[in-house]
């Protein structure tokens, strides 16, 4: 769902790593601003829709081997 893609995320002090550092939610209640580290050499901002993320997670965020009883 969140992985290194851009050159600055793939090459730096630690190769191929992105990690969240914090977030804010915009006044519309749906836009998430995710601040993240990139390759241990940059800080960046990703923006997305909370509704879209939740929809994606509902469709893709489960495992056949999950021990989560809510989906049984």
PDB file of N, CA and C in Angstrom:
ATOM      1  N   UNK A   1       0.812  -1.192   0.000  1.00  0.00           N
ATOM      2  CA  UNK A   1       0.000   0.000   0.000  1.00  0.00           C
ATOM      3  C   UNK A   1       0.855   1.255   0.000  1.00  0.00           C
ATOM      4  N   UNK A   2       2.037   1.170   0.613  1.00  0.00           N
ATOM      5  CA  UNK A   2       2.951   2.309   0.679  1.00  0.00           C
ATOM      6  C   UNK A   2       4.360   1.757   0.550  1.00  0.00           C
ATOM      7  N   UNK A   3       5.001   2.027  -0.573  1.00  0.00           N
ATOM      8  CA  UNK A   3       6.323   1.459  -0.839  1.00  0.00           C
ATOM      9  C   UNK A   3       7.168   2.466  -1.604  1.00  0.00           C
ATOM     10  N   UNK A   4       8.498   2.334  -1.539  1.00  0.00           N
ATOM     11  CA  UNK A   4       9.362   3.252  -2.270  1.00  0.00           C
ATOM     12  C   UNK A   4       9.211   3.085  -3.777  1.00  0.00           C
ATOM     13  N   UNK A   5       9.055   4.204  -4.464  1.00  0.00           N
ATOM     14  CA  UNK A   5       8.942   4.194  -5.921  1.00  0.00           C
ATOM     15  C   UNK A   5       9.849   5.250  -6.555  1.00  0.00           C
ATOM     16  N   UNK A   6       9.804   6.474  -6.030  1.00  0.00           N
ATOM     17  CA  UNK A   6      10.565   7.578  -6.612  1.00  0.00           C
ATOM     18  C   UNK A   6      12.060   7.409  -6.335  1.00  0.00           C
ATOM     19  N   UNK A   7      12.864   8.031  -7.158  1.00  0.00           N
ATOM     20  CA  UNK A   7      14.323   7.953  -7.016  1.00  0.00           C
ATOM     21  C   UNK A   7      14.779   8.356  -5.608  1.00  0.00           C
ATOM     22  N   UNK A   8      14.230   9.445  -5.054  1.00  0.00           N
ATOM     23  CA  UNK A   8      14.641   9.911  -3.723  1.00  0.00           C
ATOM     24  C   UNK A   8      14.202   8.958  -2.611  1.00  0.00           C
ATOM     25  N   UNK A   9      13.245   8.071  -2.892  1.00  0.00           N
ATOM     26  CA  UNK A   9      12.819   7.064  -1.915  1.00  0.00           C
ATOM     27  C   UNK A   9      13.670   5.795  -2.026  1.00  0.00           C
ATOM     28  N   UNK A  10      14.252   5.591  -3.189  1.00  0.00           N
ATOM     29  CA  UNK A  10      14.998   4.358  -3.455  1.00  0.00           C
ATOM     30  C   UNK A  10      16.489   4.469  -3.199  1.00  0.00           C
ATOM     31  N   UNK A  11      17.029   5.701  -3.248  1.00  0.00           N
ATOM     32  CA  UNK A  11      18.474   5.876  -3.104  1.00  0.00           C
ATOM     33  C   UNK A  11      18.764   6.967  -2.083  1.00  0.00           C
ATOM     34  N   UNK A  12      19.542   6.622  -1.070  1.00  0.00           N
ATOM     35  CA  UNK A  12      19.896   7.547  -0.002  1.00  0.00           C
ATOM     36  C   UNK A  12      20.740   6.830   1.030  1.00  0.00           C
ATOM     37  N   UNK A  13      20.652   7.261   2.266  1.00  0.00           N
ATOM     38  CA  UNK A  13      21.429   6.617   3.327  1.00  0.00           C
ATOM     39  C   UNK A  13      21.024   5.156   3.521  1.00  0.00           C
ATOM     40  N   UNK A  14      19.734   4.858   3.416  1.00  0.00           N
ATOM     41  CA  UNK A  14      19.220   3.488   3.476  1.00  0.00           C
ATOM     42  C   UNK A  14      18.368   3.286   2.227  1.00  0.00           C
ATOM     43  N   UNK A  15      18.784   2.383   1.368  1.00  0.00           N
ATOM     44  CA  UNK A  15      18.122   2.181   0.074  1.00  0.00           C
ATOM     45  C   UNK A  15      16.715   1.589   0.226  1.00  0.00           C
ATOM     46  N   UNK A  16      15.824   1.988  -0.662  1.00  0.00           N
ATOM     47  CA  UNK A  16      14.496   1.372  -0.808  1.00  0.00           C
ATOM     48  C   UNK A  16      13.678   1.303   0.473  1.00  0.00           C
ATOM     49  N   UNK A  17      13.574   2.442   1.164  1.00  0.00           N
ATOM     50  CA  UNK A  17      12.772   2.440   2.381  1.00  0.00           C
ATOM     51  C   UNK A  17      11.970   3.736   2.498  1.00  0.00           C
ATOM     52  N   UNK A  18      10.723   3.596   2.880  1.00  0.00           N
ATOM     53  CA  UNK A  18       9.862   4.723   3.254  1.00  0.00           C
ATOM     54  C   UNK A  18       9.216   4.359   4.587  1.00  0.00           C
ATOM     55  N   UNK A  19       9.032   5.350   5.444  1.00  0.00           N
ATOM     56  CA  UNK A  19       8.436   5.063   6.749  1.00  0.00           C
ATOM     57  C   UNK A  19       7.637   6.275   7.218  1.00  0.00           C
ATOM     58  N   UNK A  20       6.413   6.043   7.678  1.00  0.00           N
ATOM     59  CA  UNK A  20       5.577   7.154   8.141  1.00  0.00           C
ATOM     60  C   UNK A  20       6.148   7.788   9.399  1.00  0.00           C
ATOM     61  N   UNK A  21       6.017   9.110   9.470  1.00  0.00           N
ATOM     62  CA  UNK A  21       6.498   9.863  10.635  1.00  0.00           C
ATOM     63  C   UNK A  21       5.354  10.547  11.373  1.00  0.00           C
ATOM     64  N   UNK A  22       4.261  10.795  10.688  1.00  0.00           N
ATOM     65  CA  UNK A  22       3.114  11.464  11.292  1.00  0.00           C
ATOM     66  C   UNK A  22       2.091  11.789  10.225  1.00  0.00           C
ATOM     67  N   UNK A  23       0.935  12.248  10.676  1.00  0.00           N
ATOM     68  CA  UNK A  23      -0.119  12.589   9.718  1.00  0.00           C
ATOM     69  C   UNK A  23      -1.002  13.694  10.277  1.00  0.00           C
ATOM     70  N   UNK A  24      -1.715  14.342   9.389  1.00  0.00           N
ATOM     71  CA  UNK A  24      -2.792  15.263   9.739  1.00  0.00           C
ATOM     72  C   UNK A  24      -3.966  14.944   8.835  1.00  0.00           C
ATOM     73  N   UNK A  25      -5.152  15.338   9.255  1.00  0.00           N
ATOM     74  CA  UNK A  25      -6.351  15.186   8.434  1.00  0.00           C
ATOM     75  C   UNK A  25      -6.849  16.580   8.106  1.00  0.00           C
ATOM     76  N   UNK A  26      -7.107  16.827   6.834  1.00  0.00           N
ATOM     77  CA  UNK A  26      -7.575  18.134   6.377  1.00  0.00           C
ATOM     78  C   UNK A  26      -8.984  18.418   6.897  1.00  0.00           C
ATOM     79  N   UNK A  27      -9.384  19.662   6.813  1.00  0.00           N
ATOM     80  CA  UNK A  27     -10.689  20.077   7.325  1.00  0.00           C
ATOM     81  C   UNK A  27     -11.854  19.401   6.605  1.00  0.00           C
ATOM     82  N   UNK A  28     -11.625  18.839   5.408  1.00  0.00           N
ATOM     83  CA  UNK A  28     -12.709  18.138   4.711  1.00  0.00           C
ATOM     84  C   UNK A  28     -13.014  16.789   5.353  1.00  0.00           C
ATOM     85  N   UNK A  29     -12.162  16.341   6.290  1.00  0.00           N
ATOM     86  CA  UNK A  29     -12.390  15.085   6.989  1.00  0.00           C
ATOM     87  C   UNK A  29     -12.033  13.852   6.192  1.00  0.00           C
ATOM     88  N   UNK A  30     -11.583  14.010   4.952  1.00  0.00           N
ATOM     89  CA  UNK A  30     -11.267  12.872   4.098  1.00  0.00           C
ATOM     90  C   UNK A  30      -9.816  12.862   3.635  1.00  0.00           C
ATOM     91  N   UNK A  31      -9.193  14.004   3.514  1.00  0.00           N
ATOM     92  CA  UNK A  31      -7.822  14.064   3.006  1.00  0.00           C
ATOM     93  C   UNK A  31      -6.838  13.826   4.146  1.00  0.00           C
ATOM     94  N   UNK A  32      -5.993  12.804   3.964  1.00  0.00           N
ATOM     95  CA  UNK A  32      -4.935  12.525   4.935  1.00  0.00           C
ATOM     96  C   UNK A  32      -3.613  13.021   4.348  1.00  0.00           C
ATOM     97  N   UNK A  33      -2.857  13.727   5.162  1.00  0.00           N
ATOM     98  CA  UNK A  33      -1.520  14.187   4.801  1.00  0.00           C
ATOM     99  C   UNK A  33      -0.540  13.337   5.598  1.00  0.00           C
ATOM    100  N   UNK A  34       0.182  12.471   4.920  1.00  0.00           N
ATOM    101  CA  UNK A  34       1.104  11.542   5.565  1.00  0.00           C
ATOM    102  C   UNK A  34       2.539  12.018   5.350  1.00  0.00           C
ATOM    103  N   UNK A  35       3.174  12.408   6.427  1.00  0.00           N
ATOM    104  CA  UNK A  35       4.569  12.827   6.377  1.00  0.00           C
ATOM    105  C   UNK A  35       5.417  11.580   6.555  1.00  0.00           C
ATOM    106  N   UNK A  36       6.435  11.423   5.686  1.00  0.00           N
ATOM    107  CA  UNK A  36       7.218  10.196   5.745  1.00  0.00           C
ATOM    108  C   UNK A  36       8.681  10.430   5.406  1.00  0.00           C
ATOM    109  N   UNK A  37       9.503   9.548   5.941  1.00  0.00           N
ATOM    110  CA  UNK A  37      10.915   9.551   5.619  1.00  0.00           C
ATOM    111  C   UNK A  37      11.153   8.725   4.373  1.00  0.00           C
ATOM    112  N   UNK A  38      12.132   9.154   3.567  1.00  0.00           N
ATOM    113  CA  UNK A  38      12.441   8.470   2.315  1.00  0.00           C
ATOM    114  C   UNK A  38      13.937   8.184   2.257  1.00  0.00           C
ATOM    115  N   UNK A  39      14.282   6.920   2.226  1.00  0.00           N
ATOM    116  CA  UNK A  39      15.673   6.455   2.115  1.00  0.00           C
ATOM    117  C   UNK A  39      16.566   7.067   3.191  1.00  0.00           C
ATOM    118  N   UNK A  40      15.995   7.413   4.319  1.00  0.00           N
ATOM    119  CA  UNK A  40      16.726   8.027   5.435  1.00  0.00           C
ATOM    120  C   UNK A  40      17.505   9.274   5.028  1.00  0.00           C
ATOM    121  N   UNK A  41      17.052   9.923   3.946  1.00  0.00           N
ATOM    122  CA  UNK A  41      17.754  11.129   3.505  1.00  0.00           C
ATOM    123  C   UNK A  41      16.813  12.290   3.213  1.00  0.00           C
ATOM    124  N   UNK A  42      15.525  12.042   3.217  1.00  0.00           N
ATOM    125  CA  UNK A  42      14.536  13.078   2.900  1.00  0.00           C
ATOM    126  C   UNK A  42      13.292  12.887   3.758  1.00  0.00           C
ATOM    127  N   UNK A  43      12.538  13.959   3.889  1.00  0.00           N
ATOM    128  CA  UNK A  43      11.192  13.890   4.456  1.00  0.00           C
ATOM    129  C   UNK A  43      10.244  14.341   3.354  1.00  0.00           C
ATOM    130  N   UNK A  44       9.139  13.632   3.202  1.00  0.00           N
ATOM    131  CA  UNK A  44       8.216  13.910   2.107  1.00  0.00           C
ATOM    132  C   UNK A  44       6.779  13.928   2.625  1.00  0.00           C
ATOM    133  N   UNK A  45       5.872  14.317   1.762  1.00  0.00           N
ATOM    134  CA  UNK A  45       4.447  14.375   2.090  1.00  0.00           C
ATOM    135  C   UNK A  45       3.664  13.635   1.022  1.00  0.00           C
ATOM    136  N   UNK A  46       2.837  12.698   1.457  1.00  0.00           N
ATOM    137  CA  UNK A  46       1.904  12.004   0.566  1.00  0.00           C
ATOM    138  C   UNK A  46       0.499  12.389   0.996  1.00  0.00           C
ATOM    139  N   UNK A  47      -0.363  12.588   0.028  1.00  0.00           N
ATOM    140  CA  UNK A  47      -1.764  12.919   0.326  1.00  0.00           C
ATOM    141  C   UNK A  47      -2.666  11.876  -0.292  1.00  0.00           C
ATOM    142  N   UNK A  48      -3.754  11.591   0.408  1.00  0.00           N
ATOM    143  CA  UNK A  48      -4.701  10.618  -0.112  1.00  0.00           C
ATOM    144  C   UNK A  48      -6.059  10.783   0.523  1.00  0.00           C
ATOM    145  N   UNK A  49      -6.995  10.015   0.018  1.00  0.00           N
ATOM    146  CA  UNK A  49      -8.366  10.012   0.508  1.00  0.00           C
ATOM    147  C   UNK A  49      -8.533   8.890   1.523  1.00  0.00           C
ATOM    148  N   UNK A  50      -8.993   9.233   2.710  1.00  0.00           N
ATOM    149  CA  UNK A  50      -9.237   8.222   3.736  1.00  0.00           C
ATOM    150  C   UNK A  50     -10.296   7.237   3.246  1.00  0.00           C
ATOM    151  N   UNK A  51     -11.360   7.727   2.630  1.00  0.00           N
ATOM    152  CA  UNK A  51     -12.419   6.844   2.110  1.00  0.00           C
ATOM    153  C   UNK A  51     -11.850   5.849   1.103  1.00  0.00           C
ATOM    154  N   UNK A  52     -10.997   6.346   0.197  1.00  0.00           N
ATOM    155  CA  UNK A  52     -10.397   5.459  -0.804  1.00  0.00           C
ATOM    156  C   UNK A  52      -9.481   4.429  -0.155  1.00  0.00           C
ATOM    157  N   UNK A  53      -8.704   4.843   0.837  1.00  0.00           N
ATOM    158  CA  UNK A  53      -7.834   3.898   1.541  1.00  0.00           C
ATOM    159  C   UNK A  53      -8.645   2.811   2.239  1.00  0.00           C
ATOM    160  N   UNK A  54      -9.738   3.193   2.905  1.00  0.00           N
ATOM    161  CA  UNK A  54     -10.577   2.216   3.594  1.00  0.00           C
ATOM    162  C   UNK A  54     -11.244   1.259   2.609  1.00  0.00           C
ATOM    163  N   UNK A  55     -11.679   1.774   1.468  1.00  0.00           N
ATOM    164  CA  UNK A  55     -12.267   0.929   0.429  1.00  0.00           C
ATOM    165  C   UNK A  55     -11.242  -0.080  -0.072  1.00  0.00           C
ATOM    166  N   UNK A  56     -10.004   0.398  -0.319  1.00  0.00           N
ATOM    167  CA  UNK A  56      -8.939  -0.493  -0.776  1.00  0.00           C
ATOM    168  C   UNK A  56      -8.647  -1.557   0.279  1.00  0.00           C
ATOM    169  N   UNK A  57      -8.575  -1.149   1.544  1.00  0.00           N
ATOM    170  CA  UNK A  57      -8.310  -2.112   2.615  1.00  0.00           C
ATOM    171  C   UNK A  57      -9.417  -3.152   2.735  1.00  0.00           C
ATOM    172  N   UNK A  58     -10.667  -2.721   2.593  1.00  0.00           N
ATOM    173  CA  UNK A  58     -11.776  -3.682   2.635  1.00  0.00           C
ATOM    174  C   UNK A  58     -11.636  -4.728   1.539  1.00  0.00           C
ATOM    175  N   UNK A  59     -11.189  -4.297   0.366  1.00  0.00           N
ATOM    176  CA  UNK A  59     -11.065  -5.209  -0.767  1.00  0.00           C
ATOM    177  C   UNK A  59      -9.783  -6.032  -0.737  1.00  0.00           C
ATOM    178  N   UNK A  60      -8.712  -5.504  -0.169  1.00  0.00           N
ATOM    179  CA  UNK A  60      -7.397  -6.136  -0.295  1.00  0.00           C
ATOM    180  C   UNK A  60      -6.669  -6.394   1.012  1.00  0.00           C
ATOM    181  N   UNK A  61      -7.183  -5.916   2.113  1.00  0.00           N
ATOM    182  CA  UNK A  61      -6.433  -5.962   3.358  1.00  0.00           C
ATOM    183  C   UNK A  61      -6.675  -7.174   4.213  1.00  0.00           C
ATOM    184  N   UNK A  62      -7.024  -8.286   3.622  1.00  0.00           N
ATOM    185  CA  UNK A  62      -7.238  -9.500   4.410  1.00  0.00           C
ATOM    186  C   UNK A  62      -6.350 -10.611   3.867  1.00  0.00           C
ATOM    187  N   UNK A  63      -6.180 -11.625   4.674  1.00  0.00           N
ATOM    188  CA  UNK A  63      -5.353 -12.760   4.289  1.00  0.00           C
ATOM    189  C   UNK A  63      -6.167 -14.034   4.440  1.00  0.00           C
ATOM    190  N   UNK A  64      -5.903 -14.962   3.579  1.00  0.00           N
ATOM    191  CA  UNK A  64      -6.560 -16.263   3.681  1.00  0.00           C
ATOM    192  C   UNK A  64      -6.227 -16.925   5.016  1.00  0.00           C
ATOM    193  N   UNK A  65      -5.066 -16.571   5.578  1.00  0.00           N
ATOM    194  CA  UNK A  65      -4.599 -17.184   6.818  1.00  0.00           C
ATOM    195  C   UNK A  65      -4.807 -16.281   8.010  1.00  0.00           C
ATOM    196  N   UNK A  66      -5.609 -15.268   7.864  1.00  0.00           N
ATOM    197  CA  UNK A  66      -5.807 -14.300   8.937  1.00  0.00           C
ATOM    198  C   UNK A  66      -6.483 -14.951  10.138  1.00  0.00           C
ATOM    199  N   UNK A  67      -6.046 -14.525  11.332  1.00  0.00           N
ATOM    200  CA  UNK A  67      -6.696 -15.020  12.543  1.00  0.00           C
ATOM    201  C   UNK A  67      -7.739 -14.031  13.035  1.00  0.00           C
ATOM    202  N   UNK A  68      -8.051 -13.026  12.217  1.00  0.00           N
ATOM    203  CA  UNK A  68      -9.044 -12.018  12.575  1.00  0.00           C
ATOM    204  C   UNK A  68     -10.422 -12.645  12.509  1.00  0.00           C
ATOM    205  N   UNK A  69     -11.059 -12.801  13.638  1.00  0.00           N
ATOM    206  CA  UNK A  69     -12.359 -13.479  13.726  1.00  0.00           C
ATOM    207  C   UNK A  69     -13.512 -12.657  13.154  1.00  0.00           C
ATOM    208  N   UNK A  70     -13.314 -11.371  12.916  1.00  0.00           N
ATOM    209  CA  UNK A  70     -14.411 -10.535  12.406  1.00  0.00           C
ATOM    210  C   UNK A  70     -14.850 -10.973  11.029  1.00  0.00           C
ATOM    211  N   UNK A  71     -13.969 -11.614  10.254  1.00  0.00           N
ATOM    212  CA  UNK A  71     -14.295 -11.988   8.874  1.00  0.00           C
ATOM    213  C   UNK A  71     -14.661 -13.456   8.733  1.00  0.00           C
ATOM    214  N   UNK A  72     -14.893 -14.138   9.837  1.00  0.00           N
ATOM    215  CA  UNK A  72     -15.226 -15.581   9.742  1.00  0.00           C
ATOM    216  C   UNK A  72     -16.705 -15.796   9.878  1.00  0.00           C
TER     217      UNK A  72
END
